[in-house]
N, C-alpha and C. Protein backbone atom coordinates (compact mmCIF):
# COMPACT_ATOMS: atom_id res chain seq x y z
N UNK A 1 -8.98 -69.21 -68.89
CA UNK A 1 -7.45 -69.57 -68.56
C UNK A 1 -6.34 -68.88 -69.66
N UNK A 2 -5.57 -68.81 -69.02
CA UNK A 2 -4.16 -68.79 -70.25
C UNK A 2 -3.56 -70.21 -70.25
N UNK A 3 -3.29 -70.31 -71.25
CA UNK A 3 -2.08 -71.51 -71.06
C UNK A 3 -0.97 -70.75 -72.00
N UNK A 4 -0.10 -71.77 -72.11
CA UNK A 4 1.01 -71.13 -72.65
C UNK A 4 0.62 -71.00 -74.21
N UNK A 5 -0.12 -71.55 -74.56
CA UNK A 5 -0.20 -71.00 -76.26
C UNK A 5 -1.39 -69.83 -76.67
N UNK A 6 -1.53 -69.46 -75.34
CA UNK A 6 -2.57 -68.30 -75.48
C UNK A 6 -1.73 -67.07 -75.64
N UNK A 7 -1.81 -66.76 -76.76
CA UNK A 7 -1.33 -65.12 -77.16
C UNK A 7 -1.81 -64.32 -76.18
N UNK A 8 -0.48 -62.75 -75.93
CA UNK A 8 -0.90 -62.17 -74.75
C UNK A 8 -0.53 -60.90 -75.63
N UNK A 9 -1.89 -59.98 -75.97
CA UNK A 9 -1.48 -58.47 -76.61
C UNK A 9 -1.57 -57.67 -75.87
N UNK A 10 -0.29 -56.91 -75.93
CA UNK A 10 -0.28 -56.14 -75.15
C UNK A 10 -0.45 -54.21 -76.14
N UNK A 11 -1.39 -53.38 -75.40
CA UNK A 11 -1.59 -52.21 -76.45
C UNK A 11 -0.84 -51.15 -75.29
N UNK A 12 -0.06 -50.88 -76.21
CA UNK A 12 1.02 -49.50 -75.63
C UNK A 12 0.82 -48.41 -76.29
N UNK A 13 0.17 -47.60 -75.54
CA UNK A 13 -0.16 -45.85 -75.95
C UNK A 13 0.99 -45.17 -75.80
N UNK A 14 1.87 -44.97 -76.98
CA UNK A 14 2.77 -43.79 -77.15
C UNK A 14 2.19 -42.70 -77.51
N UNK A 15 2.46 -41.47 -76.49
CA UNK A 15 2.13 -40.40 -77.12
C UNK A 15 3.19 -39.67 -77.67
N UNK A 16 2.82 -39.11 -79.05
CA UNK A 16 3.96 -38.43 -79.44
C UNK A 16 4.28 -37.10 -78.77
N UNK A 17 5.76 -36.64 -78.88
CA UNK A 17 6.27 -35.40 -77.87
C UNK A 17 7.16 -34.76 -79.40
N UNK A 18 7.01 -33.49 -78.71
CA UNK A 18 8.27 -33.06 -78.92
C UNK A 18 9.03 -32.08 -78.12
N UNK A 19 10.13 -31.58 -78.09
CA UNK A 19 10.97 -30.76 -77.61
C UNK A 19 10.70 -29.16 -77.53
N UNK A 20 10.73 -28.92 -76.34
CA UNK A 20 10.68 -27.50 -76.06
C UNK A 20 11.86 -27.13 -75.53
N UNK A 21 12.78 -25.73 -75.89
CA UNK A 21 14.18 -25.33 -75.68
C UNK A 21 13.79 -24.51 -74.91
N UNK A 22 13.71 -24.20 -73.50
CA UNK A 22 13.75 -22.36 -73.05
C UNK A 22 15.51 -22.21 -72.47
N UNK A 23 15.32 -20.56 -72.05
CA UNK A 23 16.33 -20.11 -71.73
C UNK A 23 16.05 -19.75 -69.81
N UNK A 24 16.55 -20.20 -69.37
CA UNK A 24 16.37 -19.74 -67.91
C UNK A 24 17.78 -19.76 -67.09
N UNK A 25 17.87 -19.39 -65.96
CA UNK A 25 19.11 -19.41 -64.91
C UNK A 25 19.63 -20.65 -64.74
N UNK A 26 20.43 -20.85 -64.17
CA UNK A 26 20.79 -22.38 -63.60
C UNK A 26 20.12 -22.44 -62.26
N UNK A 27 20.09 -21.04 -61.94
CA UNK A 27 19.36 -20.99 -60.16
C UNK A 27 18.18 -21.22 -60.36
N UNK A 28 17.49 -20.66 -61.11
CA UNK A 28 15.91 -20.94 -61.55
C UNK A 28 15.95 -22.52 -61.56
N UNK A 29 16.11 -22.72 -62.62
CA UNK A 29 16.30 -24.40 -63.09
C UNK A 29 16.81 -25.48 -62.06
N UNK A 30 17.76 -24.86 -61.26
CA UNK A 30 17.96 -25.93 -59.92
C UNK A 30 16.90 -25.77 -58.94
N UNK A 31 16.46 -25.11 -58.80
CA UNK A 31 15.10 -24.82 -57.83
C UNK A 31 13.63 -25.19 -58.05
N UNK A 32 13.65 -25.24 -59.16
CA UNK A 32 12.42 -25.86 -59.72
C UNK A 32 12.38 -27.25 -60.01
N UNK A 33 13.66 -27.40 -60.03
CA UNK A 33 13.63 -29.12 -60.10
C UNK A 33 13.85 -29.81 -58.69
N UNK A 34 14.28 -28.87 -58.05
CA UNK A 34 13.97 -29.28 -56.37
C UNK A 34 12.36 -29.53 -55.90
N UNK A 35 11.94 -28.48 -56.49
CA UNK A 35 10.64 -28.09 -55.82
C UNK A 35 9.80 -29.51 -56.19
N UNK A 36 10.05 -29.17 -57.71
CA UNK A 36 9.04 -30.69 -58.52
C UNK A 36 9.47 -32.17 -57.84
N UNK A 37 10.92 -32.53 -57.32
CA UNK A 37 11.08 -33.31 -56.71
C UNK A 37 10.35 -33.68 -55.53
N UNK A 38 10.55 -32.57 -54.52
CA UNK A 38 9.82 -32.52 -53.29
C UNK A 38 8.26 -32.75 -53.57
N UNK A 39 7.50 -32.42 -54.91
CA UNK A 39 6.12 -32.86 -55.20
C UNK A 39 6.16 -34.17 -55.54
N UNK A 40 7.32 -34.42 -55.68
CA UNK A 40 7.17 -36.30 -56.48
C UNK A 40 6.67 -36.23 -57.70
N UNK A 41 7.48 -35.16 -58.73
CA UNK A 41 7.03 -35.12 -60.19
C UNK A 41 8.52 -34.71 -60.99
N UNK A 42 8.40 -34.98 -61.88
CA UNK A 42 9.67 -34.62 -62.67
C UNK A 42 9.43 -32.82 -63.01
N UNK A 43 10.21 -31.93 -63.59
CA UNK A 43 9.89 -31.00 -64.07
C UNK A 43 9.50 -30.95 -65.44
N UNK A 44 9.95 -31.94 -65.99
CA UNK A 44 9.04 -32.19 -67.42
C UNK A 44 7.42 -32.48 -67.23
N UNK A 45 7.16 -33.05 -66.40
CA UNK A 45 5.65 -33.40 -66.04
C UNK A 45 5.07 -31.99 -65.53
N UNK A 46 5.85 -31.16 -64.84
CA UNK A 46 5.48 -29.93 -64.03
C UNK A 46 5.29 -28.77 -64.90
N UNK A 47 6.01 -28.84 -65.91
CA UNK A 47 5.74 -27.99 -67.20
C UNK A 47 4.80 -28.34 -68.12
N UNK A 48 4.53 -29.61 -68.58
CA UNK A 48 3.80 -30.23 -69.33
C UNK A 48 2.07 -29.93 -68.72
N UNK A 49 2.09 -30.06 -67.24
CA UNK A 49 0.87 -29.66 -66.75
C UNK A 49 0.61 -28.25 -66.97
N UNK A 50 1.31 -27.29 -66.48
CA UNK A 50 1.30 -26.15 -66.89
C UNK A 50 0.86 -25.45 -68.26
N UNK A 51 1.72 -26.44 -69.57
CA UNK A 51 0.91 -25.85 -70.77
C UNK A 51 -0.56 -26.43 -71.05
N UNK A 52 -0.55 -27.57 -70.23
CA UNK A 52 -2.09 -28.52 -70.81
C UNK A 52 -2.90 -27.21 -70.11
N UNK A 53 -2.62 -26.56 -68.87
CA UNK A 53 -3.80 -25.90 -68.23
C UNK A 53 -3.53 -24.28 -69.25
N UNK A 54 -2.70 -24.03 -69.10
CA UNK A 54 -2.65 -22.69 -70.43
C UNK A 54 -3.62 -23.29 -71.46
N UNK A 55 -3.11 -24.21 -72.28
CA UNK A 55 -4.61 -24.31 -73.66
C UNK A 55 -5.50 -24.69 -73.20
N UNK A 56 -6.13 -25.28 -71.90
CA UNK A 56 -7.23 -25.61 -71.42
C UNK A 56 -8.06 -24.24 -71.30
N UNK A 57 -7.62 -23.42 -70.79
CA UNK A 57 -8.12 -22.43 -69.97
C UNK A 57 -7.53 -20.90 -70.75
N UNK A 58 -6.74 -20.81 -71.63
CA UNK A 58 -6.09 -20.00 -72.19
C UNK A 58 -5.84 -18.28 -71.33
N UNK A 59 -5.65 -19.13 -70.14
CA UNK A 59 -5.33 -17.97 -69.23
C UNK A 59 -3.40 -18.32 -68.63
N UNK A 60 -3.38 -17.44 -68.04
CA UNK A 60 -1.63 -16.93 -67.83
C UNK A 60 -2.15 -16.63 -66.16
N UNK A 61 -1.84 -17.63 -65.34
CA UNK A 61 -2.15 -16.99 -63.91
C UNK A 61 -0.40 -17.48 -63.17
N UNK A 62 -0.17 -16.37 -62.41
CA UNK A 62 0.94 -16.42 -61.90
C UNK A 62 0.66 -15.88 -60.35
N UNK A 63 1.03 -16.72 -59.44
CA UNK A 63 0.53 -16.89 -58.22
C UNK A 63 1.61 -15.86 -57.49
N UNK A 64 1.31 -14.80 -56.46
CA UNK A 64 2.25 -14.14 -55.70
C UNK A 64 2.91 -14.78 -54.65
N UNK A 65 4.31 -14.37 -54.36
CA UNK A 65 4.42 -15.07 -53.01
C UNK A 65 3.75 -14.57 -52.00
N UNK A 66 3.53 -15.77 -51.09
CA UNK A 66 2.66 -14.89 -49.92
C UNK A 66 3.11 -14.73 -48.54
N UNK A 67 4.91 -14.64 -48.86
CA UNK A 67 5.69 -14.40 -47.73
C UNK A 67 6.87 -13.17 -48.47
N UNK A 68 6.17 -12.14 -47.45
CA UNK A 68 6.72 -10.86 -47.89
C UNK A 68 8.65 -10.63 -47.68
N UNK A 69 9.28 -10.01 -48.65
CA UNK A 69 10.46 -10.34 -48.80
C UNK A 69 10.58 -9.17 -47.77
N UNK A 70 12.30 -8.77 -47.45
CA UNK A 70 12.65 -8.62 -46.40
C UNK A 70 12.60 -7.02 -45.99
N UNK A 71 12.53 -6.40 -47.21
CA UNK A 71 12.06 -5.02 -46.83
C UNK A 71 10.79 -4.31 -46.96
N UNK A 72 9.62 -5.48 -46.97
CA UNK A 72 8.49 -5.39 -46.70
C UNK A 72 8.38 -5.88 -45.10
N UNK A 73 9.09 -6.63 -44.95
CA UNK A 73 8.96 -7.55 -43.57
C UNK A 73 9.29 -6.32 -42.34
N UNK A 74 10.50 -5.43 -43.01
CA UNK A 74 10.96 -4.62 -42.14
C UNK A 74 9.94 -3.48 -41.88
N UNK A 75 9.18 -3.08 -42.97
CA UNK A 75 8.11 -2.15 -42.97
C UNK A 75 7.07 -2.76 -42.13
N UNK A 76 6.34 -3.64 -42.39
CA UNK A 76 5.33 -4.33 -41.47
C UNK A 76 5.87 -4.33 -39.84
N UNK A 77 7.15 -4.59 -39.89
CA UNK A 77 7.60 -4.28 -38.33
C UNK A 77 7.34 -2.93 -37.72
N UNK A 78 7.81 -1.84 -38.52
CA UNK A 78 8.11 -0.52 -38.15
C UNK A 78 6.62 -0.17 -37.59
N UNK A 79 5.27 -0.58 -38.54
CA UNK A 79 4.13 -0.14 -38.63
C UNK A 79 3.36 -0.71 -37.23
N UNK A 80 3.75 -2.19 -37.19
CA UNK A 80 3.28 -2.58 -36.01
C UNK A 80 4.08 -2.02 -34.74
N UNK A 81 5.27 -1.59 -34.77
CA UNK A 81 5.79 -0.75 -33.70
C UNK A 81 5.23 0.33 -33.16
N UNK A 82 4.57 1.31 -33.76
CA UNK A 82 4.21 2.68 -33.78
C UNK A 82 2.84 2.98 -32.96
N UNK A 83 2.68 4.03 -32.91
CA UNK A 83 1.57 4.36 -31.74
C UNK A 83 0.46 4.19 -33.02
N UNK A 84 -0.92 3.34 -32.79
CA UNK A 84 -1.73 3.56 -33.64
C UNK A 84 -3.08 3.87 -32.90
N UNK A 85 -4.19 4.18 -33.68
CA UNK A 85 -5.27 4.81 -33.08
C UNK A 85 -5.92 3.46 -32.11
N UNK A 86 -6.82 3.62 -30.95
CA UNK A 86 -7.21 2.55 -30.48
C UNK A 86 -8.48 2.44 -31.35
N UNK A 87 -9.17 1.33 -30.79
CA UNK A 87 -10.59 1.05 -31.53
C UNK A 87 -11.57 2.21 -31.06
N UNK A 88 -12.77 2.10 -31.39
CA UNK A 88 -13.77 3.00 -30.50
C UNK A 88 -15.32 2.61 -30.80
N UNK A 89 -16.33 2.76 -30.05
CA UNK A 89 -17.63 2.27 -30.25
C UNK A 89 -18.72 3.42 -30.68
N UNK A 90 -17.84 4.55 -31.44
CA UNK A 90 -18.99 5.60 -31.60
C UNK A 90 -18.09 6.50 -32.56
N UNK A 91 -18.58 7.33 -33.22
CA UNK A 91 -17.96 8.25 -34.29
C UNK A 91 -17.83 9.32 -33.38
N UNK A 92 -18.88 9.65 -32.52
CA UNK A 92 -18.42 11.19 -31.49
C UNK A 92 -16.63 10.70 -30.82
N UNK A 93 -16.69 9.12 -30.28
CA UNK A 93 -15.51 9.11 -29.60
C UNK A 93 -14.11 9.13 -30.51
N UNK A 94 -14.31 8.88 -31.41
CA UNK A 94 -12.80 8.75 -32.72
C UNK A 94 -13.21 10.37 -32.68
N UNK A 95 -13.98 11.00 -33.11
CA UNK A 95 -13.85 12.49 -33.46
C UNK A 95 -12.95 13.39 -32.23
N UNK A 96 -13.57 12.39 -30.74
CA UNK A 96 -13.11 13.24 -30.03
C UNK A 96 -11.55 13.15 -29.58
N UNK A 97 -10.94 11.77 -29.87
CA UNK A 97 -9.51 11.33 -29.82
C UNK A 97 -8.99 11.94 -30.91
N UNK A 98 -9.22 12.12 -32.21
CA UNK A 98 -8.77 12.76 -33.16
C UNK A 98 -8.36 14.25 -32.83
N UNK A 99 -9.56 15.18 -32.44
CA UNK A 99 -9.26 16.39 -31.75
C UNK A 99 -8.12 16.51 -30.76
N UNK A 100 -7.95 15.36 -29.71
CA UNK A 100 -7.21 15.26 -29.03
C UNK A 100 -5.45 15.35 -29.47
N UNK A 101 -5.52 14.76 -30.59
CA UNK A 101 -4.01 13.99 -31.22
C UNK A 101 -3.81 15.72 -32.17
N UNK A 102 -4.47 16.13 -32.64
CA UNK A 102 -4.03 17.22 -33.42
C UNK A 102 -3.64 18.50 -32.54
N UNK A 103 -4.09 18.81 -30.81
CA UNK A 103 -3.82 19.44 -30.09
C UNK A 103 -2.70 19.33 -29.31
N UNK A 104 -2.00 17.86 -29.91
CA UNK A 104 -0.64 17.69 -29.16
C UNK A 104 0.32 18.33 -29.79
């Protein structure tokens, strides 16, 4: 039971930190801050997590954007809009189709 005479001892763990200065464009910084905010963490926490992962795994991993850029989207649209070969149930059927295409 705590009384007014009972001393309360708080253990405060303070992590020694250092400052890292990096150079980036204002656009990259702003976008990174917005993404970190959407994730509910600070940009500093995000960078610290990445640095900890780097030191733990000794690997640099860059995830490629899963969304194609405009040039790639146009190319994919062109491919989807061109005539393609049908599916075949046998090699003979595929050969016959190819021979017919070369005669055109």
